[in-house]
């Protein structure tokens, strides 16, 4: 019999324990265990070390269950499974005791062990993930687990898949783990950041296949199987569910600040005009949560084909650093900030903030924006103070005298040509704050920035809504 190379076998042990073993390596690992008592003894020691390290690092589990091959002793046939729970040391003790029985059986039979040659060695089932954040979820920060399906009715969770993709989700959610580069969302909301390591990551739903070119997007699946998609950064390609992601099958390429909906696999892709975000971590709220307690919808009159720009709603998100626009091709992350040396206006703090979009919104067709409001509230328009306020703003709103700024902006744009850098060398646009009180639930229409015949070299206005 050919003896195993200790270094090679150590590598195989680590691969099995960490859940990175390939099919070829798994076959080699199985053969070592079948033929060599020394290999089984070495594996027992590796398992003990792994369990001790897991316990010392405060984790509640190691990668799922480690399943050893079925070994037929004369007295019985067993499949030995070692799940690591909250007490990793106790599990390690059970592990060593079981291996002791195995090795004693070897000695009692003169080293000859009857082996079931057809029994497989099972690698840890599922996809390896590291828990990064957890609230009300059945996992702990620092824990490493192998998941093939995740069902959460409440709570929130953030984890890193072994491919490098980072996933944020909130209950209720139902998620299947196909492989490290593919997940299947059955219900609920997820936000995925593939970074630079997992480009090409796929998310499947009942109605769509989403191929992430990079780097961050959100998706939500409702009980009717419809899918909402929003791109927070980078690009996502959208295909019908079940179709191969080829150029001929691609329905749309969505970029940062764009969103779409697929109501079913057979339906046409639709522009999603407004979508709610969690402002604390720029994640999708999705179909299982209302957009806001005040705002029930944001729409415009843009009918251009292949136009997917989206208004964002962040409930209670207005304050220093609040998101002003999701897309940032023409600026760094565009935020609302107080003027230098001043506090953020208290009147605006905690309002629902609506992220509008820049540049293309200022070109033809110039759009009206309709706000559907569910209760009495104050509507604020944050208008570029360099521009002449249009008639709809001057007659329907009043200037509060408050001022904010948006930025930082990139230089060499039409909107920033005449701006002077601040003390930090950054470009900001100053906005005047206009207010209109709406005494009942109603639809409020905000007009275009200028008439169609005029060029508009200024920033798009912002919107905030606060209940009265």
Protein backbone atom coordinates (compact mmCIF):
# COMPACT_ATOMS: atom_id res chain seq x y z
CA UNK A 1 0.00 0.00 0.00
CA UNK A 2 1.24 3.46 -0.89
CA UNK A 3 1.82 5.59 2.19
CA UNK A 4 0.32 9.07 2.29
CA UNK A 5 2.51 12.19 2.21
CA UNK A 6 1.95 13.93 5.60
CA UNK A 7 2.13 17.41 4.03
CA UNK A 8 -0.34 16.52 1.30
CA UNK A 9 -2.71 14.91 3.77
CA UNK A 10 -2.50 17.94 6.09
CA UNK A 11 -3.54 20.11 3.15
CA UNK A 12 -6.50 17.81 2.46
CA UNK A 13 -7.58 17.93 6.12
CA UNK A 14 -7.54 21.74 6.10
CA UNK A 15 -9.52 21.82 2.86
CA UNK A 16 -12.22 19.53 4.30
CA UNK A 17 -12.44 21.44 7.60
CA UNK A 18 -12.62 24.84 5.88
CA UNK A 19 -15.13 23.70 3.27
CA UNK A 20 -12.86 24.45 0.30
CA UNK A 21 -12.20 20.86 -0.76
CA UNK A 22 -12.61 20.03 -4.46
CA UNK A 23 -14.10 16.82 -5.80
CA UNK A 24 -10.65 15.56 -6.75
CA UNK A 25 -9.21 16.35 -3.33
CA UNK A 26 -12.22 14.77 -1.67
CA UNK A 27 -11.52 11.52 -3.51
CA UNK A 28 -7.89 11.57 -2.34
CA UNK A 29 -8.98 12.33 1.21
CA UNK A 30 -11.45 9.42 1.17
CA UNK A 31 -8.80 7.02 -0.08
CA UNK A 32 -6.37 8.03 2.69
CA UNK A 33 -9.00 7.41 5.38
CA UNK A 34 -10.02 4.07 3.92
CA UNK A 35 -6.52 2.67 3.71
CA UNK A 36 -4.56 4.19 6.57
CA UNK A 37 -5.10 4.14 10.32
CA UNK A 38 -2.30 6.73 10.56
CA UNK A 39 -4.30 9.04 8.30
CA UNK A 40 -7.38 8.65 10.48
CA UNK A 41 -5.30 9.40 13.55
CA UNK A 42 -3.83 12.49 11.88
CA UNK A 43 -7.30 13.65 10.91
CA UNK A 44 -8.48 13.23 14.52
CA UNK A 45 -5.63 15.49 15.69
CA UNK A 46 -6.49 18.10 13.03
CA UNK A 47 -10.12 18.03 14.12
CA UNK A 48 -9.10 18.51 17.75
CA UNK A 49 -6.91 21.49 16.90
CA UNK A 50 -9.63 23.00 14.74
CA UNK A 51 -12.22 22.59 17.51
CA UNK A 52 -9.94 24.15 20.13
CA UNK A 53 -9.13 27.13 17.93
CA UNK A 54 -12.81 27.60 17.16
CA UNK A 55 -13.67 27.63 20.85
CA UNK A 56 -10.81 29.99 21.76
CA UNK A 57 -11.89 32.50 19.10
CA UNK A 58 -15.39 32.67 20.55
CA UNK A 59 -17.18 31.09 17.62
CA UNK A 60 -20.30 29.04 18.18
CA UNK A 61 -19.68 26.66 15.32
CA UNK A 62 -17.21 25.42 12.78
CA UNK A 63 -18.13 24.78 9.14
CA UNK A 64 -21.40 22.86 9.46
CA UNK A 65 -21.00 19.15 10.20
CA UNK A 66 -17.92 17.17 9.27
CA UNK A 67 -19.05 13.75 8.06
CA UNK A 68 -16.61 10.85 8.03
CA UNK A 69 -16.90 7.84 5.76
CA UNK A 70 -19.21 4.96 6.55
CA UNK A 71 -16.99 2.22 8.10
CA UNK A 72 -18.35 -1.30 8.52
CA UNK A 73 -17.08 -2.89 11.74
CA UNK A 74 -18.01 -6.48 12.41
CA UNK A 75 -20.45 -5.35 15.05
CA UNK A 76 -22.14 -2.48 13.24
CA UNK A 77 -22.11 0.02 10.38
CA UNK A 78 -22.07 3.73 11.27
CA UNK A 79 -22.03 7.15 9.64
CA UNK A 80 -20.27 9.36 12.15
CA UNK A 81 -21.32 13.01 12.19
CA UNK A 82 -19.74 15.73 14.33
CA UNK A 83 -21.81 18.92 14.51
CA UNK A 84 -20.11 21.66 16.51
CA UNK A 85 -22.54 23.58 18.66
CA UNK A 86 -22.02 26.10 21.40
CA UNK A 87 -19.58 23.88 23.31
CA UNK A 88 -16.83 23.17 20.80
CA UNK A 89 -14.62 21.53 23.41
CA UNK A 90 -17.27 18.98 24.29
CA UNK A 91 -17.68 18.20 20.61
CA UNK A 92 -13.91 17.76 20.34
CA UNK A 93 -13.99 15.28 23.23
CA UNK A 94 -16.73 13.29 21.51
CA UNK A 95 -14.67 13.40 18.34
CA UNK A 96 -11.56 12.00 20.02
CA UNK A 97 -13.54 9.32 21.84
CA UNK A 98 -15.12 8.21 18.59
CA UNK A 99 -11.79 8.08 16.84
CA UNK A 100 -10.36 6.13 19.78
CA UNK A 101 -13.10 3.54 19.25
CA UNK A 102 -12.21 3.46 15.56
CA UNK A 103 -8.51 2.98 16.22
CA UNK A 104 -9.09 0.35 18.95
CA UNK A 105 -11.27 -1.51 16.49
CA UNK A 106 -8.30 -1.44 14.12
CA UNK A 107 -6.06 -3.04 16.76
CA UNK A 108 -8.64 -5.61 17.80
CA UNK A 109 -8.89 -6.77 14.21
CA UNK A 110 -5.16 -6.89 13.69
CA UNK A 111 -5.20 -3.69 11.71
CA UNK A 112 -7.69 -5.05 9.21
CA UNK A 113 -10.84 -2.96 8.98
CA UNK A 114 -13.75 -3.94 6.79
CA UNK A 115 -14.47 -0.85 4.64
CA UNK A 116 -17.56 -0.01 2.67
CA UNK A 117 -15.80 0.91 -0.58
CA UNK A 118 -18.90 2.58 -2.04
CA UNK A 119 -19.60 4.91 0.89
CA UNK A 120 -18.74 8.55 0.12
CA UNK A 121 -16.93 11.07 2.29
CA UNK A 122 -19.23 14.08 2.52
CA UNK A 123 -17.71 17.54 2.52
CA UNK A 124 -19.39 20.15 4.74
CA UNK A 125 -22.82 20.69 3.24
CA UNK A 126 -23.63 24.19 1.99
CA UNK A 127 -21.67 27.34 1.27
CA UNK A 128 -19.17 28.69 3.80
CA UNK A 129 -20.00 32.11 5.26
CA UNK A 130 -18.47 34.28 8.00
CA UNK A 131 -20.94 36.21 10.17
CA UNK A 132 -20.03 39.92 10.22
CA UNK A 133 -23.08 41.41 11.99
CA UNK A 134 -26.17 39.92 13.60
CA UNK A 135 -29.26 41.33 15.31
CA UNK A 136 -32.06 39.03 16.36
CA UNK A 137 -30.63 36.29 14.10
CA UNK A 138 -29.60 32.76 15.15
CA UNK A 139 -25.88 33.40 14.54
CA UNK A 140 -23.08 35.22 16.32
CA UNK A 141 -20.49 37.65 15.01
CA UNK A 142 -17.29 35.80 14.18
CA UNK A 143 -19.07 32.52 13.61
CA UNK A 144 -18.26 30.50 10.50
CA UNK A 145 -21.01 28.23 9.21
CA UNK A 146 -21.92 26.28 6.10
CA UNK A 147 -25.38 27.21 4.85
CA UNK A 148 -27.51 25.64 2.16
CA UNK A 149 -30.72 27.49 3.11
CA UNK A 150 -31.53 30.39 5.41
CA UNK A 151 -34.98 31.14 6.80
CA UNK A 152 -35.39 34.19 9.05
CA UNK A 153 -38.72 35.67 10.11
CA UNK A 154 -37.16 38.61 11.96
CA UNK A 155 -33.78 40.14 12.65
CA UNK A 156 -30.94 41.24 10.41
CA UNK A 157 -27.73 39.57 9.31
CA UNK A 158 -24.56 40.43 7.44
CA UNK A 159 -22.16 37.75 6.25
CA UNK A 160 -19.27 37.24 3.86
CA UNK A 161 -19.52 34.35 1.43
CA UNK A 162 -16.33 32.39 0.76
CA UNK A 163 -16.22 33.99 -2.71
CA UNK A 164 -15.78 37.39 -1.06
CA UNK A 165 -19.29 38.76 -1.61
CA UNK A 166 -20.84 40.49 1.43
CA UNK A 167 -24.59 40.05 1.93
CA UNK A 168 -26.95 42.13 4.09
CA UNK A 169 -30.46 40.86 4.73
CA UNK A 170 -33.46 41.44 6.98
CA UNK A 171 -36.28 39.13 7.99
CA UNK A 172 -38.60 37.92 6.73
CA UNK A 173 -36.28 36.30 4.20
CA UNK A 174 -35.85 32.93 2.51
CA UNK A 175 -32.52 32.35 0.78
CA UNK A 176 -30.87 29.34 -0.83
CA UNK A 177 -27.10 28.92 -1.21
CA UNK A 178 -26.33 27.33 -4.58
CA UNK A 179 -22.55 27.84 -4.52
CA UNK A 180 -20.12 30.60 -3.41
CA UNK A 181 -20.91 32.61 -6.56
CA UNK A 182 -24.67 32.04 -6.70
CA UNK A 183 -27.60 32.56 -4.33
CA UNK A 184 -31.33 32.11 -4.86
CA UNK A 185 -33.69 34.60 -3.20
CA UNK A 186 -37.13 33.07 -2.62
CA UNK A 187 -38.61 35.86 -0.48
CA UNK A 188 -37.46 39.06 1.17
CA UNK A 189 -34.69 41.59 0.70
CA UNK A 190 -30.94 41.28 0.25
CA UNK A 191 -28.21 43.78 -0.50
CA UNK A 192 -25.02 42.33 -2.00
CA UNK A 193 -21.58 43.91 -2.32
CA UNK A 194 -19.33 41.79 -4.52
CA UNK A 195 -16.32 44.09 -4.16
CA UNK A 196 -13.43 43.29 -6.45
CA UNK A 197 -13.30 39.56 -5.66
CA UNK A 198 -16.70 38.24 -6.70
CA UNK A 199 -17.55 40.02 -9.96
CA UNK A 200 -19.90 37.82 -11.92
CA UNK A 201 -21.88 36.92 -8.79
CA UNK A 202 -25.40 35.67 -9.63
CA UNK A 203 -28.64 36.12 -7.72
CA UNK A 204 -31.61 34.05 -8.90
CA UNK A 205 -35.27 34.80 -8.20
CA UNK A 206 -38.53 33.32 -9.50
CA UNK A 207 -38.71 36.00 -12.19
CA UNK A 208 -35.15 37.18 -12.87
CA UNK A 209 -31.48 36.28 -13.01
CA UNK A 210 -29.19 39.09 -11.83
CA UNK A 211 -25.55 39.08 -12.86
CA UNK A 212 -23.49 41.52 -10.81
CA UNK A 213 -20.70 43.11 -12.83
CA UNK A 214 -19.78 45.13 -9.71
CA UNK A 215 -20.10 46.18 -7.08
CA UNK A 216 -23.25 46.69 -4.92
CA UNK A 217 -26.95 46.09 -5.57
CA UNK A 218 -30.17 45.31 -3.75
CA UNK A 219 -32.98 42.94 -4.65
CA UNK A 220 -36.38 42.23 -3.15
CA UNK A 221 -38.81 39.39 -3.84
CA UNK A 222 -42.47 39.71 -2.90
CA UNK A 223 -44.95 36.98 -2.07
CA UNK A 224 -46.26 37.15 -5.64
CA UNK A 225 -42.79 36.36 -7.01
CA UNK A 226 -42.14 39.84 -8.38
CA UNK A 227 -38.56 41.13 -8.15
CA UNK A 228 -37.30 44.66 -7.54
CA UNK A 229 -33.69 45.49 -8.38
CA UNK A 230 -31.71 48.63 -7.52
CA UNK A 231 -28.06 49.26 -8.34
CA UNK A 232 -26.27 51.14 -5.58
CA UNK A 233 -22.85 51.08 -7.22
CA UNK A 234 -21.49 49.59 -10.44
CA UNK A 235 -23.57 47.54 -12.90
CA UNK A 236 -26.03 44.64 -12.88
CA UNK A 237 -27.26 42.74 -15.93
CA UNK A 238 -30.87 41.49 -15.83
CA UNK A 239 -32.10 38.29 -17.52
CA UNK A 240 -35.27 36.27 -17.32
CA UNK A 241 -35.23 33.49 -14.75
CA UNK A 242 -33.98 30.22 -16.15
CA UNK A 243 -32.34 31.70 -19.25
CA UNK A 244 -28.57 31.63 -19.80
CA UNK A 245 -26.92 35.04 -19.29
CA UNK A 246 -26.00 35.70 -22.92
CA UNK A 247 -25.97 39.01 -24.76
CA UNK A 248 -29.03 37.95 -26.77
CA UNK A 249 -31.02 37.19 -23.59
CA UNK A 250 -30.08 40.32 -21.64
CA UNK A 251 -33.13 42.45 -20.80
CA UNK A 252 -31.22 45.45 -19.44
CA UNK A 253 -27.96 46.65 -17.97
CA UNK A 254 -28.66 48.72 -14.88
CA UNK A 255 -26.16 51.19 -13.45
CA UNK A 256 -25.88 53.03 -10.15
CA UNK A 257 -29.05 54.97 -9.40
CA UNK A 258 -31.20 52.79 -11.66
CA UNK A 259 -33.93 50.36 -10.64
CA UNK A 260 -36.33 47.95 -12.32
CA UNK A 261 -39.10 45.47 -11.58
CA UNK A 262 -39.89 42.05 -13.02
CA UNK A 263 -43.44 41.04 -12.07
CA UNK A 264 -43.01 37.54 -13.54
CA UNK A 265 -40.62 35.57 -15.69
CA UNK A 266 -42.71 36.29 -18.81
CA UNK A 267 -43.33 39.99 -18.10
CA UNK A 268 -41.47 42.94 -19.59
CA UNK A 269 -38.90 44.67 -17.45
CA UNK A 270 -40.28 47.92 -16.01
CA UNK A 271 -38.66 51.05 -14.68
CA UNK A 272 -39.08 51.29 -10.92
CA UNK A 273 -39.64 54.99 -10.30
CA UNK A 274 -39.14 55.02 -6.53
CA UNK A 275 -37.58 52.67 -4.02
CA UNK A 276 -37.02 52.85 -0.27
CA UNK A 277 -33.57 52.51 1.29
CA UNK A 278 -32.19 51.96 4.75
CA UNK A 279 -30.09 55.04 5.20
CA UNK A 280 -27.82 53.72 7.93
CA UNK A 281 -26.15 51.22 5.59
CA UNK A 282 -27.52 52.04 2.13
CA UNK A 283 -29.52 48.84 1.84
CA UNK A 284 -32.84 48.09 0.15
CA UNK A 285 -36.02 48.12 2.26
CA UNK A 286 -37.94 46.37 -0.49
CA UNK A 287 -41.36 44.88 -1.01
CA UNK A 288 -41.90 43.71 2.57
CA UNK A 289 -41.80 47.18 4.13
CA UNK A 290 -43.71 50.37 3.31
CA UNK A 291 -41.68 53.10 1.65
CA UNK A 292 -42.47 55.48 4.50
CA UNK A 293 -45.17 56.36 7.02
CA UNK A 294 -45.69 59.61 5.09
CA UNK A 295 -44.73 59.01 1.44
CA UNK A 296 -46.61 56.27 -0.41
CA UNK A 297 -45.18 56.98 -3.85
CA UNK A 298 -42.94 59.15 -6.00
CA UNK A 299 -43.54 59.30 -9.76
CA UNK A 300 -42.67 61.51 -12.71
CA UNK A 301 -43.81 61.94 -16.32
CA UNK A 302 -40.67 60.64 -18.04
CA UNK A 303 -41.61 58.08 -20.69
CA UNK A 304 -38.27 57.64 -22.44
CA UNK A 305 -37.50 54.06 -23.48
CA UNK A 306 -34.73 52.22 -21.60
CA UNK A 307 -34.75 54.86 -18.88
CA UNK A 308 -34.37 53.34 -15.39
CA UNK A 309 -33.38 56.20 -13.11
CA UNK A 310 -34.95 55.89 -9.70
CA UNK A 311 -35.95 58.22 -6.87
CA UNK A 312 -34.89 56.94 -3.45
CA UNK A 313 -36.84 57.34 -0.22
CA UNK A 314 -34.98 57.16 3.09
CA UNK A 315 -37.49 57.28 5.97
CA UNK A 316 -36.33 59.62 8.76
CA UNK A 317 -32.97 59.94 7.05
CA UNK A 318 -32.57 63.70 6.75
CA UNK A 319 -29.59 65.05 8.63
CA UNK A 320 -25.89 65.75 8.23
CA UNK A 321 -24.53 63.48 5.50
CA UNK A 322 -27.95 62.33 4.22
CA UNK A 323 -27.94 60.91 0.71
CA UNK A 324 -28.92 63.55 -1.88
CA UNK A 325 -28.58 61.41 -5.03
CA UNK A 326 -27.82 57.75 -5.50
CA UNK A 327 -25.85 57.95 -8.74
CA UNK A 328 -22.40 59.50 -8.39
CA UNK A 329 -20.91 59.48 -11.85
CA UNK A 330 -20.74 63.26 -11.75
CA UNK A 331 -19.86 63.69 -8.12
CA UNK A 332 -18.55 61.77 -5.17
CA UNK A 333 -21.23 60.50 -2.85
CA UNK A 334 -23.60 63.46 -2.98
CA UNK A 335 -24.85 64.37 0.50
CA UNK A 336 -26.72 67.13 2.32
CA UNK A 337 -24.57 69.10 4.74
CA UNK A 338 -24.80 72.19 6.90
CA UNK A 339 -23.04 75.35 5.79
CA UNK A 340 -19.49 75.71 7.15
CA UNK A 341 -19.52 76.75 10.80
CA UNK A 342 -23.28 76.13 11.19
CA UNK A 343 -25.40 73.34 12.66
CA UNK A 344 -27.68 71.28 10.47
CA UNK A 345 -31.15 72.93 10.53
CA UNK A 346 -33.17 71.30 13.29
CA UNK A 347 -36.39 71.83 11.35
CA UNK A 348 -35.24 69.36 8.71
CA UNK A 349 -33.69 66.72 10.93
CA UNK A 350 -35.50 63.38 10.86
CA UNK A 351 -37.53 64.19 7.75
CA UNK A 352 -37.99 61.56 5.05
CA UNK A 353 -35.48 62.49 2.37
CA UNK A 354 -36.09 61.81 -1.31
CA UNK A 355 -32.99 61.32 -3.42
CA UNK A 356 -33.44 62.89 -6.85
CA UNK A 357 -31.12 62.46 -9.81
CA UNK A 358 -28.86 64.95 -11.47
CA UNK A 359 -27.97 66.05 -15.01
CA UNK A 360 -30.24 63.79 -17.06
CA UNK A 361 -33.15 65.08 -14.99
CA UNK A 362 -32.22 68.58 -16.11
CA UNK A 363 -32.32 67.72 -19.81
CA UNK A 364 -35.36 67.09 -21.98
CA UNK A 365 -37.88 65.81 -21.19
CA UNK A 366 -38.12 68.04 -18.10
CA UNK A 367 -40.23 66.21 -15.56
CA UNK A 368 -42.86 66.99 -12.99
CA UNK A 369 -42.48 64.97 -9.79
CA UNK A 370 -45.60 63.72 -8.00
CA UNK A 371 -45.48 63.01 -4.27
CA UNK A 372 -48.24 60.79 -2.90
CA UNK A 373 -48.66 61.72 0.78
CA UNK A 374 -50.64 59.69 3.30
CA UNK A 375 -51.05 62.32 6.03
CA UNK A 376 -50.64 66.03 6.82
CA UNK A 377 -47.03 67.04 6.38
CA UNK A 378 -44.55 69.73 5.45
CA UNK A 379 -42.92 69.39 2.03
CA UNK A 380 -39.48 70.95 1.56
CA UNK A 381 -37.78 71.75 -1.74
CA UNK A 382 -34.03 72.34 -1.56
CA UNK A 383 -33.34 74.63 -4.50
CA UNK A 384 -30.01 75.69 -6.05
CA UNK A 385 -29.67 79.24 -4.67
CA UNK A 386 -27.84 80.43 -7.80
CA UNK A 387 -30.89 79.84 -10.01
CA UNK A 388 -34.10 81.86 -10.34
CA UNK A 389 -36.91 79.97 -8.58
CA UNK A 390 -39.62 78.85 -11.04
CA UNK A 391 -43.17 80.10 -10.71
CA UNK A 392 -44.53 76.88 -9.17
CA UNK A 393 -42.00 77.19 -6.35
CA UNK A 394 -42.47 80.92 -5.70
CA UNK A 395 -46.27 80.69 -5.64
CA UNK A 396 -46.78 77.38 -3.87
CA UNK A 397 -43.93 77.47 -1.32
CA UNK A 398 -42.26 79.96 0.98
CA UNK A 399 -38.54 80.52 1.47
CA UNK A 400 -37.75 79.55 5.07
CA UNK A 401 -34.44 81.39 5.06
CA UNK A 402 -32.65 78.14 5.88
CA UNK A 403 -29.69 77.11 3.76
CA UNK A 404 -27.98 73.76 3.08
CA UNK A 405 -25.29 72.60 0.71
CA UNK A 406 -24.92 69.51 -1.47
CA UNK A 407 -21.65 67.90 -2.42
CA UNK A 408 -18.89 67.25 -2.90
CA UNK A 409 -19.16 67.69 -6.68
CA UNK A 410 -16.63 66.96 -9.37
CA UNK A 411 -15.05 69.95 -11.14
CA UNK A 412 -15.39 70.71 -14.87
CA UNK A 413 -19.15 70.20 -14.98
CA UNK A 414 -21.76 72.64 -16.24
CA UNK A 415 -23.19 72.75 -12.72
CA UNK A 416 -19.85 73.50 -11.07
CA UNK A 417 -18.02 75.81 -13.50
CA UNK A 418 -18.50 78.95 -11.39
CA UNK A 419 -18.17 77.35 -7.96
CA UNK A 420 -15.24 78.15 -5.71
CA UNK A 421 -13.67 75.35 -3.62
CA UNK A 422 -14.19 75.42 0.14
CA UNK A 423 -11.39 75.35 2.72
CA UNK A 424 -10.88 71.63 1.98
CA UNK A 425 -10.67 72.18 -1.76
CA UNK A 426 -14.11 70.62 -2.36
CA UNK A 427 -17.01 71.96 -4.43
CA UNK A 428 -20.45 72.40 -2.85
CA UNK A 429 -23.71 73.87 -4.12
CA UNK A 430 -25.70 76.04 -1.68
CA UNK A 431 -29.46 75.40 -1.62
CA UNK A 432 -32.30 77.55 -0.32
CA UNK A 433 -34.99 75.68 1.66
CA UNK A 434 -38.60 76.22 0.59
CA UNK A 435 -41.60 74.87 2.53
CA UNK A 436 -45.23 74.03 1.82
CA UNK A 437 -47.65 72.72 4.46
CA UNK A 438 -50.09 70.07 3.21
CA UNK A 439 -53.04 69.80 5.67
CA UNK A 440 -54.49 66.48 4.44
CA UNK A 441 -53.40 63.36 2.59
CA UNK A 442 -52.88 64.45 -1.00
CA UNK A 443 -50.77 64.29 -4.16
CA UNK A 444 -48.38 67.22 -4.46
CA UNK A 445 -46.84 68.01 -7.85
CA UNK A 446 -43.41 69.63 -8.03
CA UNK A 447 -42.70 71.23 -11.39
CA UNK A 448 -39.75 71.24 -13.74
CA UNK A 449 -36.64 73.30 -13.09
CA UNK A 450 -37.13 75.49 -16.15
CA UNK A 451 -39.15 75.71 -19.34
CA UNK A 452 -38.09 73.33 -22.10
CA UNK A 453 -36.53 76.04 -24.28
CA UNK A 454 -34.06 77.06 -21.59
CA UNK A 455 -30.77 75.45 -20.71
CA UNK A 456 -30.36 74.82 -17.00
CA UNK A 457 -26.74 74.89 -15.77
CA UNK A 458 -27.67 74.30 -12.13
CA UNK A 459 -28.14 71.39 -9.74
CA UNK A 460 -31.40 69.44 -9.50
CA UNK A 461 -33.47 70.29 -6.42
CA UNK A 462 -33.77 68.00 -3.41
CA UNK A 463 -36.93 67.00 -1.53
CA UNK A 464 -37.74 66.28 2.11
CA UNK A 465 -41.07 65.49 3.78
CA UNK A 466 -41.90 65.69 7.49
CA UNK A 467 -45.22 64.90 9.22
CA UNK A 468 -46.99 67.82 10.87
